[in-house]
C-alpha atoms as a PDB file:
ATOM      1  CA  UNK A   1      80.567 121.423 134.760  1.00  0.00           C
ATOM      2  CA  UNK A   2      79.143 120.230 131.453  1.00  0.00           C
ATOM      3  CA  UNK A   3      82.468 120.925 129.684  1.00  0.00           C
ATOM      4  CA  UNK A   4      84.283 118.813 132.249  1.00  0.00           C
ATOM      5  CA  UNK A   5      81.772 115.998 131.761  1.00  0.00           C
ATOM      6  CA  UNK A   6      82.090 116.261 127.978  1.00  0.00           C
ATOM      7  CA  UNK A   7      85.881 116.153 128.248  1.00  0.00           C
ATOM      8  CA  UNK A   8      85.754 113.117 130.535  1.00  0.00           C
ATOM      9  CA  UNK A   9      83.386 111.307 128.193  1.00  0.00           C
ATOM     10  CA  UNK A  10      85.597 112.152 125.233  1.00  0.00           C
ATOM     11  CA  UNK A  11      88.666 110.774 127.016  1.00  0.00           C
ATOM     12  CA  UNK A  12      86.785 107.619 128.002  1.00  0.00           C
ATOM     13  CA  UNK A  13      85.502 107.115 124.446  1.00  0.00           C
ATOM     14  CA  UNK A  14      88.978 107.649 122.981  1.00  0.00           C
ATOM     15  CA  UNK A  15      90.483 105.157 125.424  1.00  0.00           C
ATOM     16  CA  UNK A  16      87.814 102.580 124.611  1.00  0.00           C
ATOM     17  CA  UNK A  17      88.384 103.103 120.890  1.00  0.00           C
ATOM     18  CA  UNK A  18      92.151 102.682 121.305  1.00  0.00           C
ATOM     19  CA  UNK A  19      91.716  99.470 123.296  1.00  0.00           C
ATOM     20  CA  UNK A  20      89.258  98.135 120.729  1.00  0.00           C
ATOM     21  CA  UNK A  21      91.615  98.939 117.870  1.00  0.00           C
ATOM     22  CA  UNK A  22      94.511  97.241 119.656  1.00  0.00           C
ATOM     23  CA  UNK A  23      92.450  94.117 120.289  1.00  0.00           C
ATOM     24  CA  UNK A  24      91.323  94.105 116.666  1.00  0.00           C
ATOM     25  CA  UNK A  25      94.905  94.281 115.408  1.00  0.00           C
ATOM     26  CA  UNK A  26      95.918  91.430 117.703  1.00  0.00           C
ATOM     27  CA  UNK A  27      92.965  89.355 116.492  1.00  0.00           C
ATOM     28  CA  UNK A  28      93.913  89.990 112.858  1.00  0.00           C
ATOM     29  CA  UNK A  29      97.521  89.009 113.495  1.00  0.00           C
ATOM     30  CA  UNK A  30      96.437  85.794 115.213  1.00  0.00           C
ATOM     31  CA  UNK A  31      94.110  84.968 112.312  1.00  0.00           C
ATOM     32  CA  UNK A  32      96.880  84.932 109.699  1.00  0.00           C
ATOM     33  CA  UNK A  33      98.447  81.510 109.178  1.00  0.00           C
ATOM     34  CA  UNK A  34     102.078  80.956 110.052  1.00  0.00           C
ATOM     35  CA  UNK A  35     104.453  80.913 107.136  1.00  0.00           C
ATOM     36  CA  UNK A  36     106.473  77.753 106.587  1.00  0.00           C
ATOM     37  CA  UNK A  37     110.060  77.999 107.706  1.00  0.00           C
ATOM     38  CA  UNK A  38     111.738  76.464 104.664  1.00  0.00           C
ATOM     39  CA  UNK A  39     115.136  77.760 103.592  1.00  0.00           C
ATOM     40  CA  UNK A  40     115.528  79.092 100.073  1.00  0.00           C
ATOM     41  CA  UNK A  41     119.079  77.768  99.767  1.00  0.00           C
ATOM     42  CA  UNK A  42     120.332  74.457 101.118  1.00  0.00           C
ATOM     43  CA  UNK A  43     123.919  73.296 101.293  1.00  0.00           C
ATOM     44  CA  UNK A  44     124.980  69.677 101.289  1.00  0.00           C
ATOM     45  CA  UNK A  45     127.264  68.776 104.153  1.00  0.00           C
ATOM     46  CA  UNK A  46     130.212  66.892 102.670  1.00  0.00           C
ATOM     47  CA  UNK A  47     132.485  66.030 105.568  1.00  0.00           C
ATOM     48  CA  UNK A  48     133.667  68.771 107.886  1.00  0.00           C
ATOM     49  CA  UNK A  49     135.521  70.858 105.315  1.00  0.00           C
ATOM     50  CA  UNK A  50     135.593  74.640 105.659  1.00  0.00           C
END
């Protein structure tokens, strides 16, 4: 019975660690500032020529 208890505790600890890691990654991604959406190349619109 002690092996079953140890296995259950190991599974529970691994699940808690995985959830904590996932929440940490999400928190780090939310902490980074958004990058500006500015184009590197701009074209002047001269009429409707193609």
